[in-house]
Each structure stands twice: as structure tokens, then as C-alpha cells.
Amino acid sequence: MDYSATELTEAKRQIDSILHKLHETVTTLEAKESPERYKSQLSLAKRRIQALTIAVELIEAQLHPDT
């Protein structure tokens, strides 16, 4: 599939926003009085952060193939 630079840039912007919110979620859950109660939510958020970070790297590679 071919995406324009504009589409890729917007997708990256949206993913960056989601990543920011997920990082805030992880910080909030880890700061709770009993963070072990939120183990599954923390694991899910961290896996999503990892997957979205990969997506951002792939988008950046597509936008800047020579770097």
C-alpha cells in the first residue's frame, strides 16, 4: 500500500498522541496505592506502547528512507 507523506505524518501524529496518553496511564497506575491490583492493565498498556513505538519507527523509516 502506498500512503502519501501527509497521511503518514498524520498517522504518526495520532500515534504519538496515543503513546503520550498510554505513558500517562502507566505512570498513574504505577503510582496507585496497590499497583499490583492493576497488573493486567499495566501489562496491556506496556504492550501497546511497544507495538505503537514500532509503528512510529516504521512510519519514520517510510518518511525518511535514506536516514
PDB file of N, CA and C in Angstrom:
ATOM      1  N   MET A   1       0.838  -1.179   0.000  1.00  0.00           N
ATOM      2  CA  MET A   1       0.000   0.000   0.000  1.00  0.00           C
ATOM      3  C   MET A   1       0.880   1.238   0.000  1.00  0.00           C
ATOM      4  N   ASP A   2       0.461   2.192  -0.765  1.00  0.00           N
ATOM      5  CA  ASP A   2       1.187   3.459  -0.818  1.00  0.00           C
ATOM      6  C   ASP A   2       0.384   4.528  -0.086  1.00  0.00           C
ATOM      7  N   TYR A   3       1.053   5.188   0.817  1.00  0.00           N
ATOM      8  CA  TYR A   3       0.444   6.283   1.570  1.00  0.00           C
ATOM      9  C   TYR A   3       1.233   7.542   1.285  1.00  0.00           C
ATOM     10  N   SER A   4       0.536   8.660   1.238  1.00  0.00           N
ATOM     11  CA  SER A   4       1.220   9.927   1.000  1.00  0.00           C
ATOM     12  C   SER A   4       1.960  10.343   2.266  1.00  0.00           C
ATOM     13  N   ALA A   5       2.910  11.240   2.097  1.00  0.00           N
ATOM     14  CA  ALA A   5       3.657  11.761   3.252  1.00  0.00           C
ATOM     15  C   ALA A   5       2.705  12.431   4.231  1.00  0.00           C
ATOM     16  N   THR A   6       1.686  13.075   3.726  1.00  0.00           N
ATOM     17  CA  THR A   6       0.691  13.734   4.591  1.00  0.00           C
ATOM     18  C   THR A   6      -0.048  12.701   5.431  1.00  0.00           C
ATOM     19  N   GLU A   7      -0.456  11.604   4.810  1.00  0.00           N
ATOM     20  CA  GLU A   7      -1.167  10.554   5.545  1.00  0.00           C
ATOM     21  C   GLU A   7      -0.273   9.924   6.601  1.00  0.00           C
ATOM     22  N   LEU A   8       0.970   9.662   6.248  1.00  0.00           N
ATOM     23  CA  LEU A   8       1.903   9.066   7.202  1.00  0.00           C
ATOM     24  C   LEU A   8       2.202  10.016   8.359  1.00  0.00           C
ATOM     25  N   THR A   9       2.357  11.287   8.048  1.00  0.00           N
ATOM     26  CA  THR A   9       2.633  12.283   9.086  1.00  0.00           C
ATOM     27  C   THR A   9       1.457  12.392  10.052  1.00  0.00           C
ATOM     28  N   GLU A  10       0.243  12.381   9.520  1.00  0.00           N
ATOM     29  CA  GLU A  10      -0.943  12.460  10.375  1.00  0.00           C
ATOM     30  C   GLU A  10      -1.084  11.191  11.218  1.00  0.00           C
ATOM     31  N   ALA A  11      -0.819  10.042  10.627  1.00  0.00           N
ATOM     32  CA  ALA A  11      -0.879   8.795  11.386  1.00  0.00           C
ATOM     33  C   ALA A  11       0.127   8.819  12.533  1.00  0.00           C
ATOM     34  N   LYS A  12       1.331   9.294  12.256  1.00  0.00           N
ATOM     35  CA  LYS A  12       2.359   9.393  13.291  1.00  0.00           C
ATOM     36  C   LYS A  12       1.934  10.346  14.395  1.00  0.00           C
ATOM     37  N   ARG A  13       1.326  11.455  14.013  1.00  0.00           N
ATOM     38  CA  ARG A  13       0.859  12.428  14.999  1.00  0.00           C
ATOM     39  C   ARG A  13      -0.195  11.805  15.914  1.00  0.00           C
ATOM     40  N   GLN A  14      -1.106  11.053  15.323  1.00  0.00           N
ATOM     41  CA  GLN A  14      -2.147  10.404  16.116  1.00  0.00           C
ATOM     42  C   GLN A  14      -1.564   9.335  17.036  1.00  0.00           C
ATOM     43  N   ILE A  15      -0.631   8.557  16.523  1.00  0.00           N
ATOM     44  CA  ILE A  15       0.002   7.523  17.340  1.00  0.00           C
ATOM     45  C   ILE A  15       0.806   8.149  18.467  1.00  0.00           C
ATOM     46  N   ASP A  16       1.507   9.239  18.184  1.00  0.00           N
ATOM     47  CA  ASP A  16       2.257   9.936  19.240  1.00  0.00           C
ATOM     48  C   ASP A  16       1.327  10.396  20.355  1.00  0.00           C
ATOM     49  N   SER A  17       0.135  10.853  19.989  1.00  0.00           N
ATOM     50  CA  SER A  17      -0.849  11.285  20.980  1.00  0.00           C
ATOM     51  C   SER A  17      -1.301  10.107  21.842  1.00  0.00           C
ATOM     52  N   ILE A  18      -1.579   8.987  21.207  1.00  0.00           N
ATOM     53  CA  ILE A  18      -1.986   7.789  21.947  1.00  0.00           C
ATOM     54  C   ILE A  18      -0.856   7.329  22.867  1.00  0.00           C
ATOM     55  N   LEU A  19       0.374   7.355  22.366  1.00  0.00           N
ATOM     56  CA  LEU A  19       1.523   6.964  23.182  1.00  0.00           C
ATOM     57  C   LEU A  19       1.650   7.844  24.423  1.00  0.00           C
ATOM     58  N   HIS A  20       1.470   9.139  24.239  1.00  0.00           N
ATOM     59  CA  HIS A  20       1.548  10.069  25.363  1.00  0.00           C
ATOM     60  C   HIS A  20       0.508   9.688  26.422  1.00  0.00           C
ATOM     61  N   LYS A  21      -0.715   9.410  25.994  1.00  0.00           N
ATOM     62  CA  LYS A  21      -1.781   9.050  26.932  1.00  0.00           C
ATOM     63  C   LYS A  21      -1.489   7.715  27.617  1.00  0.00           C
ATOM     64  N   LEU A  22      -0.943   6.765  26.868  1.00  0.00           N
ATOM     65  CA  LEU A  22      -0.601   5.472  27.463  1.00  0.00           C
ATOM     66  C   LEU A  22       0.510   5.613  28.505  1.00  0.00           C
ATOM     67  N   HIS A  23       1.506   6.444  28.214  1.00  0.00           N
ATOM     68  CA  HIS A  23       2.577   6.673  29.198  1.00  0.00           C
ATOM     69  C   HIS A  23       1.999   7.295  30.469  1.00  0.00           C
ATOM     70  N   GLU A  24       1.059   8.216  30.315  1.00  0.00           N
ATOM     71  CA  GLU A  24       0.413   8.822  31.485  1.00  0.00           C
ATOM     72  C   GLU A  24      -0.377   7.778  32.265  1.00  0.00           C
ATOM     73  N   THR A  25      -1.038   6.878  31.552  1.00  0.00           N
ATOM     74  CA  THR A  25      -1.803   5.814  32.193  1.00  0.00           C
ATOM     75  C   THR A  25      -0.889   4.909  33.005  1.00  0.00           C
ATOM     76  N   VAL A  26       0.232   4.526  32.421  1.00  0.00           N
ATOM     77  CA  VAL A  26       1.187   3.665  33.129  1.00  0.00           C
ATOM     78  C   VAL A  26       1.692   4.370  34.384  1.00  0.00           C
ATOM     79  N   THR A  27       2.047   5.632  34.252  1.00  0.00           N
ATOM     80  CA  THR A  27       2.532   6.398  35.401  1.00  0.00           C
ATOM     81  C   THR A  27       1.476   6.449  36.505  1.00  0.00           C
ATOM     82  N   THR A  28       0.235   6.693  36.119  1.00  0.00           N
ATOM     83  CA  THR A  28      -0.860   6.782  37.091  1.00  0.00           C
ATOM     84  C   THR A  28      -1.082   5.439  37.779  1.00  0.00           C
ATOM     85  N   LEU A  29      -1.135   4.370  37.002  1.00  0.00           N
ATOM     86  CA  LEU A  29      -1.383   3.056  37.598  1.00  0.00           C
ATOM     87  C   LEU A  29      -0.237   2.619  38.496  1.00  0.00           C
ATOM     88  N   GLU A  30       0.980   2.915  38.108  1.00  0.00           N
ATOM     89  CA  GLU A  30       2.130   2.543  38.946  1.00  0.00           C
ATOM     90  C   GLU A  30       2.184   3.358  40.233  1.00  0.00           C
ATOM     91  N   ALA A  31       1.571   4.525  40.235  1.00  0.00           N
ATOM     92  CA  ALA A  31       1.580   5.374  41.422  1.00  0.00           C
ATOM     93  C   ALA A  31       0.442   5.052  42.388  1.00  0.00           C
ATOM     94  N   LYS A  32      -0.445   4.182  41.986  1.00  0.00           N
ATOM     95  CA  LYS A  32      -1.570   3.812  42.857  1.00  0.00           C
ATOM     96  C   LYS A  32      -1.049   3.135  44.125  1.00  0.00           C
ATOM     97  N   GLU A  33      -1.907   3.138  45.125  1.00  0.00           N
ATOM     98  CA  GLU A  33      -1.535   2.558  46.413  1.00  0.00           C
ATOM     99  C   GLU A  33      -1.185   1.071  46.292  1.00  0.00           C
ATOM    100  N   SER A  34      -1.924   0.339  45.481  1.00  0.00           N
ATOM    101  CA  SER A  34      -1.667  -1.091  45.275  1.00  0.00           C
ATOM    102  C   SER A  34      -1.538  -1.374  43.777  1.00  0.00           C
ATOM    103  N   PRO A  35      -0.388  -1.018  43.184  1.00  0.00           N
ATOM    104  CA  PRO A  35      -0.247  -1.176  41.732  1.00  0.00           C
ATOM    105  C   PRO A  35      -0.374  -2.625  41.261  1.00  0.00           C
ATOM    106  N   GLU A  36      -0.136  -3.591  42.166  1.00  0.00           N
ATOM    107  CA  GLU A  36      -0.275  -4.988  41.761  1.00  0.00           C
ATOM    108  C   GLU A  36      -1.713  -5.338  41.381  1.00  0.00           C
ATOM    109  N   ARG A  37      -2.669  -4.574  41.884  1.00  0.00           N
ATOM    110  CA  ARG A  37      -4.075  -4.776  41.505  1.00  0.00           C
ATOM    111  C   ARG A  37      -4.308  -4.464  40.036  1.00  0.00           C
ATOM    112  N   TYR A  38      -3.423  -3.686  39.456  1.00  0.00           N
ATOM    113  CA  TYR A  38      -3.588  -3.223  38.077  1.00  0.00           C
ATOM    114  C   TYR A  38      -2.590  -3.901  37.131  1.00  0.00           C
ATOM    115  N   LYS A  39      -2.112  -5.075  37.538  1.00  0.00           N
ATOM    116  CA  LYS A  39      -1.081  -5.761  36.766  1.00  0.00           C
ATOM    117  C   LYS A  39      -1.506  -6.001  35.314  1.00  0.00           C
ATOM    118  N   SER A  40      -2.726  -6.466  35.089  1.00  0.00           N
ATOM    119  CA  SER A  40      -3.155  -6.760  33.720  1.00  0.00           C
ATOM    120  C   SER A  40      -3.286  -5.485  32.891  1.00  0.00           C
ATOM    121  N   GLN A  41      -3.806  -4.420  33.500  1.00  0.00           N
ATOM    122  CA  GLN A  41      -3.923  -3.146  32.783  1.00  0.00           C
ATOM    123  C   GLN A  41      -2.549  -2.583  32.447  1.00  0.00           C
ATOM    124  N   LEU A  42      -1.611  -2.711  33.394  1.00  0.00           N
ATOM    125  CA  LEU A  42      -0.247  -2.239  33.149  1.00  0.00           C
ATOM    126  C   LEU A  42       0.426  -3.041  32.038  1.00  0.00           C
ATOM    127  N   SER A  43       0.253  -4.349  32.072  1.00  0.00           N
ATOM    128  CA  SER A  43       0.847  -5.192  31.031  1.00  0.00           C
ATOM    129  C   SER A  43       0.284  -4.835  29.661  1.00  0.00           C
ATOM    130  N   LEU A  44      -1.018  -4.654  29.580  1.00  0.00           N
ATOM    131  CA  LEU A  44      -1.654  -4.300  28.320  1.00  0.00           C
ATOM    132  C   LEU A  44      -1.157  -2.954  27.814  1.00  0.00           C
ATOM    133  N   ALA A  45      -1.104  -1.965  28.698  1.00  0.00           N
ATOM    134  CA  ALA A  45      -0.632  -0.633  28.299  1.00  0.00           C
ATOM    135  C   ALA A  45       0.812  -0.683  27.815  1.00  0.00           C
ATOM    136  N   LYS A  46       1.652  -1.437  28.501  1.00  0.00           N
ATOM    137  CA  LYS A  46       3.059  -1.534  28.110  1.00  0.00           C
ATOM    138  C   LYS A  46       3.226  -2.261  26.775  1.00  0.00           C
ATOM    139  N   ARG A  47       2.412  -3.294  26.536  1.00  0.00           N
ATOM    140  CA  ARG A  47       2.473  -3.982  25.241  1.00  0.00           C
ATOM    141  C   ARG A  47       2.003  -3.063  24.120  1.00  0.00           C
ATOM    142  N   ARG A  48       0.987  -2.273  24.401  1.00  0.00           N
ATOM    143  CA  ARG A  48       0.500  -1.318  23.394  1.00  0.00           C
ATOM    144  C   ARG A  48       1.551  -0.253  23.109  1.00  0.00           C
ATOM    145  N   ILE A  49       2.235   0.211  24.144  1.00  0.00           N
ATOM    146  CA  ILE A  49       3.311   1.190  23.950  1.00  0.00           C
ATOM    147  C   ILE A  49       4.380   0.603  23.045  1.00  0.00           C
ATOM    148  N   GLN A  50       4.754  -0.630  23.290  1.00  0.00           N
ATOM    149  CA  GLN A  50       5.780  -1.273  22.471  1.00  0.00           C
ATOM    150  C   GLN A  50       5.324  -1.395  21.015  1.00  0.00           C
ATOM    151  N   ALA A  51       4.101  -1.836  20.802  1.00  0.00           N
ATOM    152  CA  ALA A  51       3.592  -2.008  19.443  1.00  0.00           C
ATOM    153  C   ALA A  51       3.492  -0.670  18.710  1.00  0.00           C
ATOM    154  N   LEU A  52       3.007   0.347  19.398  1.00  0.00           N
ATOM    155  CA  LEU A  52       2.863   1.656  18.758  1.00  0.00           C
ATOM    156  C   LEU A  52       4.222   2.313  18.515  1.00  0.00           C
ATOM    157  N   THR A  53       5.180   2.049  19.365  1.00  0.00           N
ATOM    158  CA  THR A  53       6.535   2.566  19.150  1.00  0.00           C
ATOM    159  C   THR A  53       7.126   1.960  17.874  1.00  0.00           C
ATOM    160  N   ILE A  54       6.887   0.678  17.671  1.00  0.00           N
ATOM    161  CA  ILE A  54       7.333   0.030  16.429  1.00  0.00           C
ATOM    162  C   ILE A  54       6.656   0.673  15.232  1.00  0.00           C
ATOM    163  N   ALA A  55       5.356   0.925  15.339  1.00  0.00           N
ATOM    164  CA  ALA A  55       4.609   1.555  14.244  1.00  0.00           C
ATOM    165  C   ALA A  55       5.190   2.925  13.902  1.00  0.00           C
ATOM    166  N   VAL A  56       5.529   3.704  14.916  1.00  0.00           N
ATOM    167  CA  VAL A  56       6.111   5.030  14.688  1.00  0.00           C
ATOM    168  C   VAL A  56       7.456   4.894  13.972  1.00  0.00           C
ATOM    169  N   GLU A  57       8.270   3.948  14.404  1.00  0.00           N
ATOM    170  CA  GLU A  57       9.572   3.747  13.764  1.00  0.00           C
ATOM    171  C   GLU A  57       9.410   3.343  12.298  1.00  0.00           C
ATOM    172  N   LEU A  58       8.430   2.503  12.007  1.00  0.00           N
ATOM    173  CA  LEU A  58       8.183   2.099  10.627  1.00  0.00           C
ATOM    174  C   LEU A  58       7.689   3.274   9.780  1.00  0.00           C
ATOM    175  N   ILE A  59       6.838   4.092  10.357  1.00  0.00           N
ATOM    176  CA  ILE A  59       6.355   5.282   9.640  1.00  0.00           C
ATOM    177  C   ILE A  59       7.520   6.224   9.364  1.00  0.00           C
ATOM    178  N   GLU A  60       8.360   6.452  10.371  1.00  0.00           N
ATOM    179  CA  GLU A  60       9.508   7.340  10.181  1.00  0.00           C
ATOM    180  C   GLU A  60      10.454   6.789   9.116  1.00  0.00           C
ATOM    181  N   ALA A  61      10.644   5.484   9.071  1.00  0.00           N
ATOM    182  CA  ALA A  61      11.500   4.872   8.045  1.00  0.00           C
ATOM    183  C   ALA A  61      10.894   5.073   6.660  1.00  0.00           C
ATOM    184  N   GLN A  62       9.577   5.031   6.576  1.00  0.00           N
ATOM    185  CA  GLN A  62       8.910   5.254   5.289  1.00  0.00           C
ATOM    186  C   GLN A  62       9.005   6.706   4.877  1.00  0.00           C
ATOM    187  N   LEU A  63       8.932   7.613   5.843  1.00  0.00           N
ATOM    188  CA  LEU A  63       9.008   9.043   5.544  1.00  0.00           C
ATOM    189  C   LEU A  63      10.424   9.476   5.189  1.00  0.00           C
ATOM    190  N   HIS A  64      11.407   8.839   5.820  1.00  0.00           N
ATOM    191  CA  HIS A  64      12.808   9.222   5.633  1.00  0.00           C
ATOM    192  C   HIS A  64      13.643   7.985   5.296  1.00  0.00           C
ATOM    193  N   PRO A  65      13.494   7.440   4.109  1.00  0.00           N
ATOM    194  CA  PRO A  65      14.134   6.161   3.780  1.00  0.00           C
ATOM    195  C   PRO A  65      15.668   6.209   3.730  1.00  0.00           C
ATOM    196  N   ASP A  66      16.271   7.371   3.581  1.00  0.00           N
ATOM    197  CA  ASP A  66      17.725   7.460   3.445  1.00  0.00           C
ATOM    198  C   ASP A  66      18.455   7.719   4.754  1.00  0.00           C
ATOM    199  N   THR A  67      17.710   7.807   5.865  1.00  0.00           N
ATOM    200  CA  THR A  67      18.376   8.091   7.149  1.00  0.00           C
ATOM    201  C   THR A  67      18.505   6.873   7.991  1.00  0.00           C
TER     202      THR A  67
END
